[in-house]
Amino acid sequence: MKKYFSLLLLCSVVLLVSCRKETTTSAEIKPVPLTEKQQAVVQRTNGFGFEFFKKAYSLSGTDKNFMVSPLSVSMAFGMASNGSGQPDP
């Protein structure tokens, strides 16, 4: 029992020492300029996400705890569109 306690204590100390927060100041966040087409895609994707959330929330009824991912639905639609051979709008 003493052996297991010593091992657990050692592992705990190693984990606590290795979990320190390192701050780096060298990385800067720089905005990426988007083309007009990219901005249009962002606007359509955001619009779809908000409309999807509104519709899912209204259909949830009395159960207000639900999880949906508009990104997953959007990606599935994109894959279906690529598979159909239809050009993007």
PDB file of N, CA and C in Angstrom:
ATOM      1  N   MET A   1       0.822  -1.186   0.000  1.00  0.00           N
ATOM      2  CA  MET A   1       0.000   0.000   0.000  1.00  0.00           C
ATOM      3  C   MET A   1       0.869   1.255   0.000  1.00  0.00           C
ATOM      4  N   LYS A   2       1.948   1.211   0.775  1.00  0.00           N
ATOM      5  CA  LYS A   2       2.850   2.350   0.852  1.00  0.00           C
ATOM      6  C   LYS A   2       3.521   2.590  -0.508  1.00  0.00           C
ATOM      7  N   LYS A   3       3.797   1.493  -1.219  1.00  0.00           N
ATOM      8  CA  LYS A   3       4.424   1.581  -2.539  1.00  0.00           C
ATOM      9  C   LYS A   3       3.498   2.303  -3.518  1.00  0.00           C
ATOM     10  N   TYR A   4       2.206   1.976  -3.516  1.00  0.00           N
ATOM     11  CA  TYR A   4       1.240   2.601  -4.420  1.00  0.00           C
ATOM     12  C   TYR A   4       1.035   4.064  -4.072  1.00  0.00           C
ATOM     13  N   PHE A   5       1.021   4.374  -2.782  1.00  0.00           N
ATOM     14  CA  PHE A   5       0.862   5.759  -2.355  1.00  0.00           C
ATOM     15  C   PHE A   5       2.052   6.589  -2.825  1.00  0.00           C
ATOM     16  N   SER A   6       3.253   6.047  -2.696  1.00  0.00           N
ATOM     17  CA  SER A   6       4.462   6.754  -3.137  1.00  0.00           C
ATOM     18  C   SER A   6       4.430   6.978  -4.648  1.00  0.00           C
ATOM     19  N   LEU A   7       3.998   5.958  -5.381  1.00  0.00           N
ATOM     20  CA  LEU A   7       3.898   6.078  -6.838  1.00  0.00           C
ATOM     21  C   LEU A   7       2.857   7.124  -7.222  1.00  0.00           C
ATOM     22  N   LEU A   8       1.717   7.128  -6.559  1.00  0.00           N
ATOM     23  CA  LEU A   8       0.667   8.108  -6.823  1.00  0.00           C
ATOM     24  C   LEU A   8       1.156   9.513  -6.500  1.00  0.00           C
ATOM     25  N   LEU A   9       1.845   9.664  -5.401  1.00  0.00           N
ATOM     26  CA  LEU A   9       2.382  10.963  -5.026  1.00  0.00           C
ATOM     27  C   LEU A   9       3.405  11.442  -6.052  1.00  0.00           C
ATOM     28  N   LEU A  10       4.271  10.567  -6.494  1.00  0.00           N
ATOM     29  CA  LEU A  10       5.270  10.923  -7.493  1.00  0.00           C
ATOM     30  C   LEU A  10       4.617  11.344  -8.809  1.00  0.00           C
ATOM     31  N   CYS A  11       3.629  10.592  -9.246  1.00  0.00           N
ATOM     32  CA  CYS A  11       2.920  10.931 -10.490  1.00  0.00           C
ATOM     33  C   CYS A  11       2.207  12.272 -10.351  1.00  0.00           C
ATOM     34  N   SER A  12       1.600  12.529  -9.213  1.00  0.00           N
ATOM     35  CA  SER A  12       0.908  13.801  -8.985  1.00  0.00           C
ATOM     36  C   SER A  12       1.881  14.965  -9.047  1.00  0.00           C
ATOM     37  N   VAL A  13       3.041  14.810  -8.424  1.00  0.00           N
ATOM     38  CA  VAL A  13       4.044  15.876  -8.449  1.00  0.00           C
ATOM     39  C   VAL A  13       4.522  16.121  -9.873  1.00  0.00           C
ATOM     40  N   VAL A  14       4.766  15.065 -10.626  1.00  0.00           N
ATOM     41  CA  VAL A  14       5.224  15.215 -12.019  1.00  0.00           C
ATOM     42  C   VAL A  14       4.171  15.926 -12.852  1.00  0.00           C
ATOM     43  N   LEU A  15       2.910  15.572 -12.685  1.00  0.00           N
ATOM     44  CA  LEU A  15       1.841  16.226 -13.438  1.00  0.00           C
ATOM     45  C   LEU A  15       1.698  17.689 -13.068  1.00  0.00           C
ATOM     46  N   LEU A  16       1.772  17.987 -11.791  1.00  0.00           N
ATOM     47  CA  LEU A  16       1.628  19.374 -11.365  1.00  0.00           C
ATOM     48  C   LEU A  16       2.790  20.240 -11.836  1.00  0.00           C
ATOM     49  N   VAL A  17       3.972  19.707 -11.833  1.00  0.00           N
ATOM     50  CA  VAL A  17       5.130  20.470 -12.279  1.00  0.00           C
ATOM     51  C   VAL A  17       5.093  20.678 -13.792  1.00  0.00           C
ATOM     52  N   SER A  18       4.616  19.698 -14.538  1.00  0.00           N
ATOM     53  CA  SER A  18       4.606  19.803 -15.992  1.00  0.00           C
ATOM     54  C   SER A  18       3.462  20.650 -16.522  1.00  0.00           C
ATOM     55  N   CYS A  19       2.514  21.007 -15.700  1.00  0.00           N
ATOM     56  CA  CYS A  19       1.348  21.782 -16.136  1.00  0.00           C
ATOM     57  C   CYS A  19       1.506  23.255 -15.794  1.00  0.00           C
ATOM     58  N   ARG A  20       2.584  23.846 -16.181  1.00  0.00           N
ATOM     59  CA  ARG A  20       2.758  25.263 -15.921  1.00  0.00           C
ATOM     60  C   ARG A  20       2.340  26.047 -17.155  1.00  0.00           C
ATOM     61  N   LYS A  21       1.926  27.247 -16.922  1.00  0.00           N
ATOM     62  CA  LYS A  21       1.465  28.086 -18.020  1.00  0.00           C
ATOM     63  C   LYS A  21       2.642  28.900 -18.549  1.00  0.00           C
ATOM     64  N   GLU A  22       2.913  28.741 -19.807  1.00  0.00           N
ATOM     65  CA  GLU A  22       3.974  29.495 -20.437  1.00  0.00           C
ATOM     66  C   GLU A  22       3.350  30.606 -21.267  1.00  0.00           C
ATOM     67  N   THR A  23       3.827  31.790 -21.070  1.00  0.00           N
ATOM     68  CA  THR A  23       3.315  32.906 -21.850  1.00  0.00           C
ATOM     69  C   THR A  23       4.353  33.296 -22.885  1.00  0.00           C
ATOM     70  N   THR A  24       3.865  33.465 -24.078  1.00  0.00           N
ATOM     71  CA  THR A  24       4.750  33.913 -25.152  1.00  0.00           C
ATOM     72  C   THR A  24       4.217  35.226 -25.683  1.00  0.00           C
ATOM     73  N   THR A  25       5.079  36.173 -25.843  1.00  0.00           N
ATOM     74  CA  THR A  25       4.667  37.477 -26.349  1.00  0.00           C
ATOM     75  C   THR A  25       5.096  37.687 -27.795  1.00  0.00           C
ATOM     76  N   SER A  26       5.785  36.708 -28.360  1.00  0.00           N
ATOM     77  CA  SER A  26       6.294  36.885 -29.719  1.00  0.00           C
ATOM     78  C   SER A  26       5.217  36.694 -30.786  1.00  0.00           C
ATOM     79  N   ALA A  27       4.146  35.970 -30.461  1.00  0.00           N
ATOM     80  CA  ALA A  27       3.108  35.707 -31.451  1.00  0.00           C
ATOM     81  C   ALA A  27       2.097  36.851 -31.463  1.00  0.00           C
ATOM     82  N   GLU A  28       1.897  37.413 -32.614  1.00  0.00           N
ATOM     83  CA  GLU A  28       0.908  38.465 -32.777  1.00  0.00           C
ATOM     84  C   GLU A  28      -0.232  37.955 -33.636  1.00  0.00           C
ATOM     85  N   ILE A  29      -1.417  38.409 -33.326  1.00  0.00           N
ATOM     86  CA  ILE A  29      -2.579  38.062 -34.149  1.00  0.00           C
ATOM     87  C   ILE A  29      -2.746  39.160 -35.184  1.00  0.00           C
ATOM     88  N   LYS A  30      -2.640  38.770 -36.431  1.00  0.00           N
ATOM     89  CA  LYS A  30      -2.761  39.729 -37.521  1.00  0.00           C
ATOM     90  C   LYS A  30      -4.009  39.400 -38.328  1.00  0.00           C
ATOM     91  N   PRO A  31      -4.812  40.393 -38.651  1.00  0.00           N
ATOM     92  CA  PRO A  31      -6.000  40.124 -39.468  1.00  0.00           C
ATOM     93  C   PRO A  31      -5.607  39.692 -40.876  1.00  0.00           C
ATOM     94  N   VAL A  32      -6.381  38.768 -41.409  1.00  0.00           N
ATOM     95  CA  VAL A  32      -6.133  38.262 -42.758  1.00  0.00           C
ATOM     96  C   VAL A  32      -7.123  38.948 -43.696  1.00  0.00           C
ATOM     97  N   PRO A  33      -6.626  39.658 -44.705  1.00  0.00           N
ATOM     98  CA  PRO A  33      -7.553  40.303 -45.638  1.00  0.00           C
ATOM     99  C   PRO A  33      -8.264  39.255 -46.501  1.00  0.00           C
ATOM    100  N   LEU A  34      -9.576  39.414 -46.641  1.00  0.00           N
ATOM    101  CA  LEU A  34     -10.384  38.480 -47.423  1.00  0.00           C
ATOM    102  C   LEU A  34     -10.787  39.124 -48.739  1.00  0.00           C
ATOM    103  N   THR A  35     -10.876  38.293 -49.756  1.00  0.00           N
ATOM    104  CA  THR A  35     -11.373  38.775 -51.042  1.00  0.00           C
ATOM    105  C   THR A  35     -12.886  38.945 -50.942  1.00  0.00           C
ATOM    106  N   GLU A  36     -13.478  39.560 -51.937  1.00  0.00           N
ATOM    107  CA  GLU A  36     -14.929  39.760 -51.943  1.00  0.00           C
ATOM    108  C   GLU A  36     -15.671  38.426 -51.955  1.00  0.00           C
ATOM    109  N   LYS A  37     -15.156  37.464 -52.719  1.00  0.00           N
ATOM    110  CA  LYS A  37     -15.790  36.146 -52.781  1.00  0.00           C
ATOM    111  C   LYS A  37     -15.725  35.451 -51.422  1.00  0.00           C
ATOM    112  N   GLN A  38     -14.582  35.555 -50.735  1.00  0.00           N
ATOM    113  CA  GLN A  38     -14.442  34.949 -49.410  1.00  0.00           C
ATOM    114  C   GLN A  38     -15.375  35.619 -48.401  1.00  0.00           C
ATOM    115  N   GLN A  39     -15.508  36.938 -48.476  1.00  0.00           N
ATOM    116  CA  GLN A  39     -16.423  37.647 -47.595  1.00  0.00           C
ATOM    117  C   GLN A  39     -17.866  37.221 -47.835  1.00  0.00           C
ATOM    118  N   ALA A  40     -18.216  37.002 -49.092  1.00  0.00           N
ATOM    119  CA  ALA A  40     -19.570  36.549 -49.417  1.00  0.00           C
ATOM    120  C   ALA A  40     -19.823  35.154 -48.846  1.00  0.00           C
ATOM    121  N   VAL A  41     -18.828  34.275 -48.935  1.00  0.00           N
ATOM    122  CA  VAL A  41     -18.965  32.924 -48.381  1.00  0.00           C
ATOM    123  C   VAL A  41     -19.144  32.996 -46.865  1.00  0.00           C
ATOM    124  N   VAL A  42     -18.375  33.852 -46.205  1.00  0.00           N
ATOM    125  CA  VAL A  42     -18.496  34.010 -44.753  1.00  0.00           C
ATOM    126  C   VAL A  42     -19.896  34.509 -44.395  1.00  0.00           C
ATOM    127  N   GLN A  43     -20.407  35.489 -45.140  1.00  0.00           N
ATOM    128  CA  GLN A  43     -21.741  36.025 -44.863  1.00  0.00           C
ATOM    129  C   GLN A  43     -22.827  34.960 -45.050  1.00  0.00           C
ATOM    130  N   ARG A  44     -22.721  34.180 -46.140  1.00  0.00           N
ATOM    131  CA  ARG A  44     -23.719  33.129 -46.384  1.00  0.00           C
ATOM    132  C   ARG A  44     -23.645  32.051 -45.309  1.00  0.00           C
ATOM    133  N   THR A  45     -22.434  31.674 -44.911  1.00  0.00           N
ATOM    134  CA  THR A  45     -22.266  30.635 -43.896  1.00  0.00           C
ATOM    135  C   THR A  45     -22.812  31.098 -42.547  1.00  0.00           C
ATOM    136  N   ASN A  46     -22.520  32.349 -42.176  1.00  0.00           N
ATOM    137  CA  ASN A  46     -23.054  32.882 -40.922  1.00  0.00           C
ATOM    138  C   ASN A  46     -24.578  32.954 -40.956  1.00  0.00           C
ATOM    139  N   GLY A  47     -25.126  33.413 -42.083  1.00  0.00           N
ATOM    140  CA  GLY A  47     -26.581  33.484 -42.220  1.00  0.00           C
ATOM    141  C   GLY A  47     -27.221  32.111 -42.094  1.00  0.00           C
ATOM    142  N   PHE A  48     -26.610  31.119 -42.752  1.00  0.00           N
ATOM    143  CA  PHE A  48     -27.134  29.761 -42.654  1.00  0.00           C
ATOM    144  C   PHE A  48     -27.093  29.263 -41.215  1.00  0.00           C
ATOM    145  N   GLY A  49     -25.985  29.514 -40.514  1.00  0.00           N
ATOM    146  CA  GLY A  49     -25.843  29.046 -39.132  1.00  0.00           C
ATOM    147  C   GLY A  49     -26.898  29.636 -38.222  1.00  0.00           C
ATOM    148  N   PHE A  50     -27.130  30.947 -38.326  1.00  0.00           N
ATOM    149  CA  PHE A  50     -28.127  31.581 -37.472  1.00  0.00           C
ATOM    150  C   PHE A  50     -29.538  31.114 -37.800  1.00  0.00           C
ATOM    151  N   GLU A  51     -29.860  30.971 -39.084  1.00  0.00           N
ATOM    152  CA  GLU A  51     -31.187  30.463 -39.466  1.00  0.00           C
ATOM    153  C   GLU A  51     -31.368  29.014 -38.996  1.00  0.00           C
ATOM    154  N   PHE A  52     -30.313  28.222 -39.085  1.00  0.00           N
ATOM    155  CA  PHE A  52     -30.375  26.837 -38.636  1.00  0.00           C
ATOM    156  C   PHE A  52     -30.642  26.767 -37.138  1.00  0.00           C
ATOM    157  N   PHE A  53     -29.940  27.604 -36.365  1.00  0.00           N
ATOM    158  CA  PHE A  53     -30.163  27.629 -34.918  1.00  0.00           C
ATOM    159  C   PHE A  53     -31.602  28.054 -34.588  1.00  0.00           C
ATOM    160  N   LYS A  54     -32.105  29.080 -35.287  1.00  0.00           N
ATOM    161  CA  LYS A  54     -33.483  29.530 -35.034  1.00  0.00           C
ATOM    162  C   LYS A  54     -34.479  28.416 -35.307  1.00  0.00           C
ATOM    163  N   LYS A  55     -34.318  27.739 -36.428  1.00  0.00           N
ATOM    164  CA  LYS A  55     -35.253  26.670 -36.801  1.00  0.00           C
ATOM    165  C   LYS A  55     -35.139  25.497 -35.830  1.00  0.00           C
ATOM    166  N   ALA A  56     -33.929  25.106 -35.470  1.00  0.00           N
ATOM    167  CA  ALA A  56     -33.745  23.987 -34.538  1.00  0.00           C
ATOM    168  C   ALA A  56     -34.322  24.322 -33.176  1.00  0.00           C
ATOM    169  N   TYR A  57     -34.155  25.566 -32.726  1.00  0.00           N
ATOM    170  CA  TYR A  57     -34.686  25.973 -31.423  1.00  0.00           C
ATOM    171  C   TYR A  57     -36.210  25.981 -31.434  1.00  0.00           C
ATOM    172  N   SER A  58     -36.793  26.454 -32.548  1.00  0.00           N
ATOM    173  CA  SER A  58     -38.258  26.495 -32.610  1.00  0.00           C
ATOM    174  C   SER A  58     -38.852  25.089 -32.694  1.00  0.00           C
ATOM    175  N   LEU A  59     -38.127  24.145 -33.286  1.00  0.00           N
ATOM    176  CA  LEU A  59     -38.620  22.773 -33.392  1.00  0.00           C
ATOM    177  C   LEU A  59     -38.341  21.934 -32.149  1.00  0.00           C
ATOM    178  N   SER A  60     -37.533  22.458 -31.222  1.00  0.00           N
ATOM    179  CA  SER A  60     -37.164  21.665 -30.047  1.00  0.00           C
ATOM    180  C   SER A  60     -38.323  21.524 -29.067  1.00  0.00           C
ATOM    181  N   GLY A  61     -39.336  22.373 -29.154  1.00  0.00           N
ATOM    182  CA  GLY A  61     -40.506  22.265 -28.275  1.00  0.00           C
ATOM    183  C   GLY A  61     -40.153  22.566 -26.833  1.00  0.00           C
ATOM    184  N   THR A  62     -40.591  21.679 -25.940  1.00  0.00           N
ATOM    185  CA  THR A  62     -40.362  21.919 -24.514  1.00  0.00           C
ATOM    186  C   THR A  62     -38.967  21.514 -24.082  1.00  0.00           C
ATOM    187  N   ASP A  63     -38.281  20.705 -24.859  1.00  0.00           N
ATOM    188  CA  ASP A  63     -36.931  20.274 -24.512  1.00  0.00           C
ATOM    189  C   ASP A  63     -35.948  21.361 -24.939  1.00  0.00           C
ATOM    190  N   LYS A  64     -35.491  22.162 -23.988  1.00  0.00           N
ATOM    191  CA  LYS A  64     -34.606  23.283 -24.311  1.00  0.00           C
ATOM    192  C   LYS A  64     -33.124  22.913 -24.236  1.00  0.00           C
ATOM    193  N   ASN A  65     -32.802  21.681 -23.880  1.00  0.00           N
ATOM    194  CA  ASN A  65     -31.412  21.235 -23.857  1.00  0.00           C
ATOM    195  C   ASN A  65     -31.152  20.395 -25.099  1.00  0.00           C
ATOM    196  N   PHE A  66     -30.493  20.983 -26.067  1.00  0.00           N
ATOM    197  CA  PHE A  66     -30.175  20.254 -27.284  1.00  0.00           C
ATOM    198  C   PHE A  66     -28.832  20.737 -27.811  1.00  0.00           C
ATOM    199  N   MET A  67     -28.248  19.922 -28.651  1.00  0.00           N
ATOM    200  CA  MET A  67     -26.942  20.247 -29.216  1.00  0.00           C
ATOM    201  C   MET A  67     -27.022  20.072 -30.725  1.00  0.00           C
ATOM    202  N   VAL A  68     -26.692  21.123 -31.435  1.00  0.00           N
ATOM    203  CA  VAL A  68     -26.660  21.068 -32.895  1.00  0.00           C
ATOM    204  C   VAL A  68     -25.373  21.735 -33.375  1.00  0.00           C
ATOM    205  N   SER A  69     -24.957  21.357 -34.565  1.00  0.00           N
ATOM    206  CA  SER A  69     -23.751  21.935 -35.146  1.00  0.00           C
ATOM    207  C   SER A  69     -24.034  22.383 -36.566  1.00  0.00           C
ATOM    208  N   PRO A  70     -24.216  23.694 -36.765  1.00  0.00           N
ATOM    209  CA  PRO A  70     -24.441  24.157 -38.128  1.00  0.00           C
ATOM    210  C   PRO A  70     -23.219  23.936 -39.018  1.00  0.00           C
ATOM    211  N   LEU A  71     -22.033  23.895 -38.433  1.00  0.00           N
ATOM    212  CA  LEU A  71     -20.838  23.619 -39.229  1.00  0.00           C
ATOM    213  C   LEU A  71     -20.905  22.223 -39.832  1.00  0.00           C
ATOM    214  N   SER A  72     -21.329  21.237 -39.021  1.00  0.00           N
ATOM    215  CA  SER A  72     -21.430  19.874 -39.525  1.00  0.00           C
ATOM    216  C   SER A  72     -22.465  19.768 -40.646  1.00  0.00           C
ATOM    217  N   VAL A  73     -23.592  20.427 -40.469  1.00  0.00           N
ATOM    218  CA  VAL A  73     -24.636  20.399 -41.498  1.00  0.00           C
ATOM    219  C   VAL A  73     -24.130  21.092 -42.761  1.00  0.00           C
ATOM    220  N   SER A  74     -23.466  22.218 -42.597  1.00  0.00           N
ATOM    221  CA  SER A  74     -22.930  22.946 -43.749  1.00  0.00           C
ATOM    222  C   SER A  74     -21.890  22.112 -44.489  1.00  0.00           C
ATOM    223  N   MET A  75     -21.032  21.430 -43.742  1.00  0.00           N
ATOM    224  CA  MET A  75     -20.021  20.582 -44.387  1.00  0.00           C
ATOM    225  C   MET A  75     -20.668  19.407 -45.108  1.00  0.00           C
ATOM    226  N   ALA A  76     -21.716  18.828 -44.521  1.00  0.00           N
ATOM    227  CA  ALA A  76     -22.413  17.724 -45.177  1.00  0.00           C
ATOM    228  C   ALA A  76     -23.065  18.196 -46.479  1.00  0.00           C
ATOM    229  N   PHE A  77     -23.680  19.388 -46.449  1.00  0.00           N
ATOM    230  CA  PHE A  77     -24.259  19.945 -47.674  1.00  0.00           C
ATOM    231  C   PHE A  77     -23.173  20.210 -48.713  1.00  0.00           C
ATOM    232  N   GLY A  78     -22.009  20.696 -48.272  1.00  0.00           N
ATOM    233  CA  GLY A  78     -20.905  20.939 -49.195  1.00  0.00           C
ATOM    234  C   GLY A  78     -20.415  19.658 -49.845  1.00  0.00           C
ATOM    235  N   MET A  79     -20.321  18.590 -49.059  1.00  0.00           N
ATOM    236  CA  MET A  79     -19.885  17.298 -49.614  1.00  0.00           C
ATOM    237  C   MET A  79     -20.920  16.766 -50.606  1.00  0.00           C
ATOM    238  N   ALA A  80     -22.202  16.941 -50.282  1.00  0.00           N
ATOM    239  CA  ALA A  80     -23.252  16.479 -51.185  1.00  0.00           C
ATOM    240  C   ALA A  80     -23.206  17.302 -52.487  1.00  0.00           C
ATOM    241  N   SER A  81     -22.952  18.605 -52.348  1.00  0.00           N
ATOM    242  CA  SER A  81     -22.853  19.458 -53.533  1.00  0.00           C
ATOM    243  C   SER A  81     -21.664  19.061 -54.401  1.00  0.00           C
ATOM    244  N   ASN A  82     -20.529  18.765 -53.770  1.00  0.00           N
ATOM    245  CA  ASN A  82     -19.357  18.330 -54.543  1.00  0.00           C
ATOM    246  C   ASN A  82     -19.624  16.998 -55.224  1.00  0.00           C
ATOM    247  N   GLY A  83     -20.343  16.098 -54.547  1.00  0.00           N
ATOM    248  CA  GLY A  83     -20.637  14.800 -55.121  1.00  0.00           C
ATOM    249  C   GLY A  83     -21.615  14.863 -56.275  1.00  0.00           C
ATOM    250  N   SER A  84     -22.474  15.875 -56.266  1.00  0.00           N
ATOM    251  CA  SER A  84     -23.472  15.981 -57.332  1.00  0.00           C
ATOM    252  C   SER A  84     -22.903  16.593 -58.603  1.00  0.00           C
ATOM    253  N   GLY A  85     -21.746  17.221 -58.473  1.00  0.00           N
ATOM    254  CA  GLY A  85     -21.126  17.827 -59.651  1.00  0.00           C
ATOM    255  C   GLY A  85     -21.715  19.176 -60.013  1.00  0.00           C
ATOM    256  N   GLN A  86     -22.576  19.736 -59.168  1.00  0.00           N
ATOM    257  CA  GLN A  86     -23.171  21.040 -59.423  1.00  0.00           C
ATOM    258  C   GLN A  86     -22.185  22.134 -59.010  1.00  0.00           C
ATOM    259  N   PRO A  87     -22.097  23.204 -59.768  1.00  0.00           N
ATOM    260  CA  PRO A  87     -21.198  24.307 -59.399  1.00  0.00           C
ATOM    261  C   PRO A  87     -21.745  25.060 -58.191  1.00  0.00           C
ATOM    262  N   ASP A  88     -20.836  25.705 -57.449  1.00  0.00           N
ATOM    263  CA  ASP A  88     -21.233  26.514 -56.309  1.00  0.00           C
ATOM    264  C   ASP A  88     -22.012  27.734 -56.790  1.00  0.00           C
ATOM    265  N   PRO A  89     -22.965  28.209 -55.963  1.00  0.00           N
ATOM    266  CA  PRO A  89     -23.733  29.403 -56.388  1.00  0.00           C
ATOM    267  C   PRO A  89     -22.884  30.642 -56.363  1.00  0.00           C
TER     268      PRO A  89
END
